[in-house]
């Protein structure tokens, strides 16, 4: 069963498939973005040599390398100025990137996958944050089997929904056994859980920790038992034309993300101080508690196949009509950065075990 915090199905007349809803929303977003803003300008100061790069992003801890790099001016150390574009929800970041409204994005890889199959104009070039997806439930729901007949909140086509779908499947349940309720962002989902409007939900950090603390609920899964250690959530993606035109700038962004990862890993308290409030609407205690659950992870080269394998669930949910081609992921610049700057790779804790 399907319901919707945003009533996405009601945005379009008639009975439409869930894949058609997403495609129409994606195409509408692409058209609107192009009409409103056009292509991003190449902004570089001749006097300073600083290249401005326009980014879009999501809301979770997996975006922290981007937020931290901007707030601490790490980008400027590599002649880049990061500028953030306003985004409504995590899924919108992939649409903005596909539209050419921005040059780079931190976005859930599943939203990127869906947008790419409609408009293969960008590529995943690195990781940003790993793990941190939580299936949380009210106190009376103690197992995934207890979800049968209850409302389950999630974000449409997001990594959060794919994990929910995969957890149900692993426990011999389907969407026919629960009532799926879609929400536009983590704030809506959090409010619904606290108010008791839904029995369970999938949430990103730091919001899942906040919910668990407020309702004394149960964590039914963190994705690790389902996907293994260091599974990706958000990825760093770039426009193909940007990669071709200015590969060194893309590499400088990846280098900056490595530096941000190192600093976040070694002083999360500082990272929390410069990002809380502006980017993370939660209490400091919740943010600090969530830190270990969703660490930054730039080198996800060993997770390439994992991302492609999730297209099976996307196909089953009718969000895509075909699997993405091999160009969806391009780790060549990530390889270059690691080979040319081994010290950046060697000192971070979360990284690929194989390439």
Protein backbone atom coordinates (compact mmCIF):
# COMPACT_ATOMS: atom_id res chain seq x y z
CA UNK A 1 0.00 0.00 0.00
CA UNK A 2 1.17 3.53 -0.65
CA UNK A 3 0.40 6.82 1.01
CA UNK A 4 2.20 10.09 0.89
CA UNK A 5 3.23 12.84 3.21
CA UNK A 6 3.54 14.87 0.00
CA UNK A 7 0.80 13.09 -1.99
CA UNK A 8 3.13 12.79 -4.96
CA UNK A 9 0.63 10.62 -6.81
CA UNK A 10 -1.91 13.45 -6.68
CA UNK A 11 0.39 15.85 -8.46
CA UNK A 12 -0.57 14.27 -11.74
CA UNK A 13 -4.01 13.49 -13.12
CA UNK A 14 -5.17 9.93 -13.55
CA UNK A 15 -3.66 6.69 -12.34
CA UNK A 16 0.06 6.65 -12.91
CA UNK A 17 2.74 4.14 -12.08
CA UNK A 18 5.28 4.99 -9.40
CA UNK A 19 8.01 5.02 -12.04
CA UNK A 20 5.96 7.45 -14.13
CA UNK A 21 5.48 9.71 -11.10
CA UNK A 22 9.20 9.89 -10.56
CA UNK A 23 9.99 10.37 -14.25
CA UNK A 24 7.46 13.17 -14.61
CA UNK A 25 8.71 14.86 -11.45
CA UNK A 26 12.29 14.51 -12.65
CA UNK A 27 11.56 15.85 -16.11
CA UNK A 28 9.50 18.70 -14.65
CA UNK A 29 12.33 19.58 -12.30
CA UNK A 30 14.88 19.46 -15.10
CA UNK A 31 12.81 21.70 -17.36
CA UNK A 32 12.04 24.17 -14.59
CA UNK A 33 15.63 24.34 -13.48
CA UNK A 34 16.89 25.02 -16.98
CA UNK A 35 14.22 27.64 -17.60
CA UNK A 36 14.80 29.40 -14.30
CA UNK A 37 18.54 29.34 -14.03
CA UNK A 38 20.13 28.06 -17.20
CA UNK A 39 23.59 26.55 -17.14
CA UNK A 40 25.96 27.52 -14.33
CA UNK A 41 28.45 30.15 -15.33
CA UNK A 42 32.16 29.53 -15.19
CA UNK A 43 33.04 32.00 -12.50
CA UNK A 44 36.73 32.52 -11.81
CA UNK A 45 38.39 35.63 -10.57
CA UNK A 46 41.20 36.65 -12.88
CA UNK A 47 42.92 38.41 -10.00
CA UNK A 48 42.79 35.47 -7.59
CA UNK A 49 42.54 32.45 -9.88
CA UNK A 50 39.80 31.00 -7.67
CA UNK A 51 37.28 28.84 -9.55
CA UNK A 52 33.74 28.97 -8.17
CA UNK A 53 31.95 25.63 -8.30
CA UNK A 54 28.21 25.46 -7.69
CA UNK A 55 27.06 22.51 -5.58
CA UNK A 56 23.75 21.09 -4.50
CA UNK A 57 23.32 18.75 -1.56
CA UNK A 58 21.09 16.84 0.83
CA UNK A 59 20.48 17.09 4.58
CA UNK A 60 22.25 14.21 6.30
CA UNK A 61 25.65 13.71 7.87
CA UNK A 62 26.83 12.22 4.59
CA UNK A 63 26.99 15.81 3.30
CA UNK A 64 29.40 16.94 6.01
CA UNK A 65 32.58 16.91 3.85
CA UNK A 66 30.93 19.51 1.62
CA UNK A 67 29.53 21.63 4.45
CA UNK A 68 32.77 21.46 6.43
CA UNK A 69 34.89 22.38 3.40
CA UNK A 70 32.80 25.48 2.81
CA UNK A 71 32.62 26.61 6.44
CA UNK A 72 36.36 26.18 7.06
CA UNK A 73 37.51 27.52 3.66
CA UNK A 74 39.23 24.24 2.78
CA UNK A 75 38.25 24.69 -0.86
CA UNK A 76 40.24 27.91 -1.11
CA UNK A 77 43.44 26.02 -0.30
CA UNK A 78 43.02 24.35 -3.70
CA UNK A 79 41.85 27.43 -5.61
CA UNK A 80 38.18 26.51 -5.45
CA UNK A 81 35.24 28.39 -3.98
CA UNK A 82 32.25 26.22 -3.16
CA UNK A 83 28.83 27.80 -3.55
CA UNK A 84 25.71 25.98 -2.39
CA UNK A 85 22.48 25.95 -4.36
CA UNK A 86 19.21 25.85 -2.47
CA UNK A 87 17.62 22.41 -2.43
CA UNK A 88 14.31 21.23 -1.00
CA UNK A 89 15.04 17.57 -0.44
CA UNK A 90 17.83 15.07 -0.97
CA UNK A 91 16.26 13.78 -4.19
CA UNK A 92 16.19 17.25 -5.71
CA UNK A 93 19.98 17.42 -5.73
CA UNK A 94 20.21 14.77 -8.44
CA UNK A 95 17.56 16.55 -10.51
CA UNK A 96 19.43 19.85 -10.26
CA UNK A 97 22.62 18.15 -11.39
CA UNK A 98 20.94 16.39 -14.30
CA UNK A 99 19.41 19.71 -15.34
CA UNK A 100 22.76 21.45 -15.46
CA UNK A 101 21.71 23.89 -12.77
CA UNK A 102 24.83 22.98 -10.79
CA UNK A 103 28.19 21.49 -11.69
CA UNK A 104 28.57 19.08 -8.79
CA UNK A 105 26.33 17.49 -6.18
CA UNK A 106 26.36 15.44 -3.03
CA UNK A 107 23.35 13.19 -3.45
CA UNK A 108 22.04 9.76 -2.43
CA UNK A 109 23.32 7.33 -5.04
CA UNK A 110 19.83 5.93 -5.68
CA UNK A 111 18.43 9.35 -6.57
CA UNK A 112 21.44 9.82 -8.81
CA UNK A 113 20.75 6.45 -10.40
CA UNK A 114 17.14 7.38 -11.15
CA UNK A 115 18.06 10.80 -12.56
CA UNK A 116 20.89 9.32 -14.63
CA UNK A 117 18.66 6.81 -16.40
CA UNK A 118 16.50 9.76 -17.52
CA UNK A 119 19.37 12.13 -18.27
CA UNK A 120 22.87 10.55 -18.40
CA UNK A 121 24.58 13.93 -18.16
CA UNK A 122 26.68 13.34 -15.04
CA UNK A 123 28.81 10.73 -13.30
CA UNK A 124 29.54 9.59 -9.77
CA UNK A 125 33.18 10.52 -9.18
CA UNK A 126 33.72 9.75 -5.46
CA UNK A 127 31.99 9.08 -2.17
CA UNK A 128 30.97 11.49 0.55
CA UNK A 129 29.42 9.60 3.47
CA UNK A 130 28.92 5.94 4.31
CA UNK A 131 26.44 3.99 6.42
CA UNK A 132 24.10 5.96 8.69
CA UNK A 133 20.77 4.75 7.29
CA UNK A 134 18.52 3.60 10.12
CA UNK A 135 15.26 1.70 10.33
CA UNK A 136 13.74 2.98 13.56
CA UNK A 137 10.43 2.09 15.17
CA UNK A 138 8.11 3.01 18.00
CA UNK A 139 8.53 1.13 21.31
CA UNK A 140 5.85 -1.46 20.53
CA UNK A 141 7.48 -2.46 17.23
CA UNK A 142 10.37 -4.70 18.22
CA UNK A 143 11.10 -6.62 15.02
CA UNK A 144 10.72 -6.10 11.30
CA UNK A 145 8.00 -8.77 11.33
CA UNK A 146 6.02 -6.49 13.67
CA UNK A 147 5.75 -3.93 10.85
CA UNK A 148 3.07 -5.97 9.10
CA UNK A 149 -0.10 -3.91 8.78
CA UNK A 150 1.57 -0.74 10.07
CA UNK A 151 2.65 2.58 8.56
CA UNK A 152 6.26 2.85 7.41
CA UNK A 153 7.62 6.29 6.55
CA UNK A 154 10.42 6.90 4.06
CA UNK A 155 11.70 9.17 1.28
CA UNK A 156 10.73 8.25 -2.27
CA UNK A 157 13.46 6.71 -4.46
CA UNK A 158 16.03 7.62 -1.82
CA UNK A 159 18.61 5.25 -0.37
CA UNK A 160 16.27 5.25 2.63
CA UNK A 161 13.43 3.72 0.64
CA UNK A 162 15.64 1.18 -1.10
CA UNK A 163 16.93 0.03 2.29
CA UNK A 164 13.37 -0.24 3.62
CA UNK A 165 12.37 -2.30 0.57
CA UNK A 166 15.44 -4.53 0.93
CA UNK A 167 14.83 -5.07 4.65
CA UNK A 168 11.22 -6.08 4.02
CA UNK A 169 12.29 -8.43 1.25
CA UNK A 170 14.96 -10.01 3.47
CA UNK A 171 12.25 -10.69 6.06
CA UNK A 172 9.75 -12.15 3.57
CA UNK A 173 7.58 -9.04 3.54
CA UNK A 174 6.50 -6.81 0.66
CA UNK A 175 4.95 -3.38 0.25
CA UNK A 176 1.57 -5.12 0.31
CA UNK A 177 2.22 -5.98 3.96
CA UNK A 178 2.78 -2.38 5.12
CA UNK A 179 1.43 1.08 4.39
CA UNK A 180 4.25 3.14 2.91
CA UNK A 181 4.04 6.86 3.65
CA UNK A 182 6.31 9.23 1.73
CA UNK A 183 7.77 12.38 3.23
CA UNK A 184 9.61 15.25 1.62
CA UNK A 185 12.52 15.46 4.03
CA UNK A 186 13.90 14.18 7.32
CA UNK A 187 12.19 16.92 9.30
CA UNK A 188 8.74 15.77 8.17
CA UNK A 189 9.60 12.14 8.88
CA UNK A 190 10.98 13.00 12.31
CA UNK A 191 7.85 14.94 13.23
CA UNK A 192 5.62 12.07 12.10
CA UNK A 193 7.51 9.59 14.26
CA UNK A 194 7.47 11.83 17.33
CA UNK A 195 3.75 12.53 16.87
CA UNK A 196 2.97 8.83 16.51
CA UNK A 197 1.58 9.20 12.98
CA UNK A 198 3.69 6.30 11.73
CA UNK A 199 4.96 3.16 13.44
CA UNK A 200 8.40 3.10 11.88
CA UNK A 201 10.57 4.89 9.38
CA UNK A 202 13.92 4.96 7.67
CA UNK A 203 15.97 8.01 8.63
CA UNK A 204 19.43 9.41 8.13
CA UNK A 205 21.71 10.61 10.88
CA UNK A 206 21.62 12.70 12.98
CA UNK A 207 17.80 12.61 12.89
CA UNK A 208 17.39 8.90 13.62
CA UNK A 209 19.37 9.29 16.85
CA UNK A 210 17.21 12.27 17.79
CA UNK A 211 14.01 10.28 17.22
CA UNK A 212 15.22 7.27 19.19
CA UNK A 213 16.15 9.48 22.12
CA UNK A 214 12.81 11.29 22.12
CA UNK A 215 10.46 8.33 21.78
CA UNK A 216 12.60 5.65 23.45
CA UNK A 217 12.13 3.62 20.29
CA UNK A 218 13.86 0.64 18.74
CA UNK A 219 16.52 0.49 16.07
CA UNK A 220 15.48 -2.40 13.82
CA UNK A 221 18.44 -2.10 11.49
CA UNK A 222 21.35 0.09 10.49
CA UNK A 223 22.00 -1.37 7.05
CA UNK A 224 25.25 -3.02 8.07
CA UNK A 225 23.61 -6.39 8.71
CA UNK A 226 21.97 -6.06 5.30
CA UNK A 227 24.70 -4.48 3.16
CA UNK A 228 27.94 -4.92 5.07
CA UNK A 229 30.41 -2.40 6.46
CA UNK A 230 30.98 1.00 4.83
CA UNK A 231 28.07 0.82 2.39
CA UNK A 232 27.67 4.16 0.59
CA UNK A 233 24.86 6.62 1.12
CA UNK A 234 25.69 9.98 -0.45
CA UNK A 235 28.10 10.24 -3.36
CA UNK A 236 29.92 13.09 -5.05
CA UNK A 237 28.79 13.51 -8.65
CA UNK A 238 29.81 15.90 -11.42
CA UNK A 239 28.47 16.94 -14.80
CA UNK A 240 30.14 15.11 -17.68
CA UNK A 241 30.83 18.34 -19.53
CA UNK A 242 32.45 19.77 -16.39
CA UNK A 243 34.64 16.67 -16.02
CA UNK A 244 35.73 16.90 -19.65
CA UNK A 245 36.30 20.66 -19.58
CA UNK A 246 37.97 21.06 -16.18
CA UNK A 247 39.15 17.72 -14.79
CA UNK A 248 41.74 19.40 -12.55
CA UNK A 249 39.02 21.36 -10.77
CA UNK A 250 37.06 18.17 -10.14
CA UNK A 251 40.25 16.57 -8.80
CA UNK A 252 40.79 19.56 -6.51
CA UNK A 253 37.29 19.08 -5.12
CA UNK A 254 38.04 15.40 -4.46
CA UNK A 255 41.31 16.36 -2.75
CA UNK A 256 39.42 18.82 -0.57
CA UNK A 257 36.92 16.12 0.38
CA UNK A 258 39.82 13.87 1.44
CA UNK A 259 41.22 16.67 3.61
CA UNK A 260 37.77 17.30 5.07
CA UNK A 261 37.34 13.60 5.83
CA UNK A 262 40.66 13.52 7.65
CA UNK A 263 39.83 16.56 9.76
CA UNK A 264 36.29 15.36 10.53
CA UNK A 265 37.57 11.93 11.55
CA UNK A 266 40.10 13.47 13.93
CA UNK A 267 38.03 16.31 15.39
CA UNK A 268 34.33 15.74 14.96
CA UNK A 269 33.56 18.21 17.74
CA UNK A 270 34.94 21.02 15.59
CA UNK A 271 33.04 19.73 12.57
CA UNK A 272 29.86 19.68 14.62
CA UNK A 273 30.41 23.22 15.88
CA UNK A 274 30.80 24.71 12.40
CA UNK A 275 27.83 22.86 10.89
CA UNK A 276 25.16 22.58 13.60
CA UNK A 277 22.24 24.96 13.29
CA UNK A 278 23.05 26.10 9.79
CA UNK A 279 23.01 22.62 8.27
CA UNK A 280 21.88 20.24 11.03
CA UNK A 281 18.75 21.16 12.97
CA UNK A 282 19.31 19.06 16.06
CA UNK A 283 20.83 19.19 19.52
CA UNK A 284 24.61 18.97 19.86
CA UNK A 285 24.34 15.80 21.95
CA UNK A 286 22.39 14.09 19.16
CA UNK A 287 24.86 15.24 16.53
CA UNK A 288 27.84 14.00 18.51
CA UNK A 289 26.12 10.69 19.23
CA UNK A 290 25.36 10.20 15.55
CA UNK A 291 28.93 10.83 14.42
CA UNK A 292 30.07 7.22 14.55
CA UNK A 293 27.02 5.97 12.68
CA UNK A 294 27.66 7.91 9.47
CA UNK A 295 31.33 8.73 8.92
CA UNK A 296 32.68 10.48 5.84
CA UNK A 297 34.00 8.20 3.11
CA UNK A 298 35.50 9.57 -0.12
CA UNK A 299 37.15 6.42 -1.45
CA UNK A 300 34.30 4.03 -2.27
CA UNK A 301 35.95 2.36 -5.25
CA UNK A 302 35.18 -1.08 -3.83
CA UNK A 303 31.46 -0.19 -3.68
CA UNK A 304 30.99 0.36 -7.41
CA UNK A 305 29.27 -2.99 -7.94
CA UNK A 306 27.16 -2.47 -4.81
CA UNK A 307 25.61 0.68 -6.27
CA UNK A 308 24.85 -1.01 -9.58
CA UNK A 309 23.30 -3.97 -7.75
CA UNK A 310 20.80 -1.68 -6.05
CA UNK A 311 19.32 -0.99 -9.47
CA UNK A 312 17.56 -4.36 -9.08
CA UNK A 313 15.46 -2.90 -6.27
CA UNK A 314 14.92 0.30 -8.25
CA UNK A 315 13.65 -1.80 -11.15
CA UNK A 316 11.40 -3.83 -8.86
CA UNK A 317 9.86 -0.59 -7.57
CA UNK A 318 9.41 0.70 -11.13
CA UNK A 319 11.57 3.77 -10.51
CA UNK A 320 13.72 2.95 -13.51
CA UNK A 321 12.97 1.01 -16.67
CA UNK A 322 16.54 -0.13 -17.26
CA UNK A 323 19.77 -0.51 -15.37
CA UNK A 324 22.29 2.33 -15.72
CA UNK A 325 25.17 1.92 -18.13
CA UNK A 326 28.78 1.69 -16.99
CA UNK A 327 29.32 5.44 -17.39
CA UNK A 328 27.16 6.10 -14.33
CA UNK A 329 30.27 5.67 -12.17
CA UNK A 330 33.64 7.13 -13.16
CA UNK A 331 36.35 6.74 -10.56
CA UNK A 332 39.23 7.62 -12.90
CA UNK A 333 39.78 11.05 -11.34
CA UNK A 334 39.55 9.52 -7.86
CA UNK A 335 42.24 7.05 -8.93
CA UNK A 336 44.38 9.92 -10.18
CA UNK A 337 44.02 11.85 -6.93
CA UNK A 338 45.02 8.81 -4.86
CA UNK A 339 47.96 7.92 -7.11
CA UNK A 340 49.23 11.50 -7.27
CA UNK A 341 48.57 12.29 -3.59
CA UNK A 342 48.95 9.02 -1.67
CA UNK A 343 49.26 10.86 1.64
CA UNK A 344 45.65 12.05 1.35
CA UNK A 345 44.46 8.47 1.05
CA UNK A 346 46.81 6.90 3.57
CA UNK A 347 45.77 9.03 6.53
CA UNK A 348 41.97 8.65 6.29
CA UNK A 349 40.33 5.84 8.21
CA UNK A 350 37.38 4.96 5.97
CA UNK A 351 38.51 3.85 2.51
CA UNK A 352 38.31 1.03 0.01
CA UNK A 353 39.87 -2.25 0.96
CA UNK A 354 40.31 -3.10 -2.70
CA UNK A 355 40.24 -1.16 -5.97
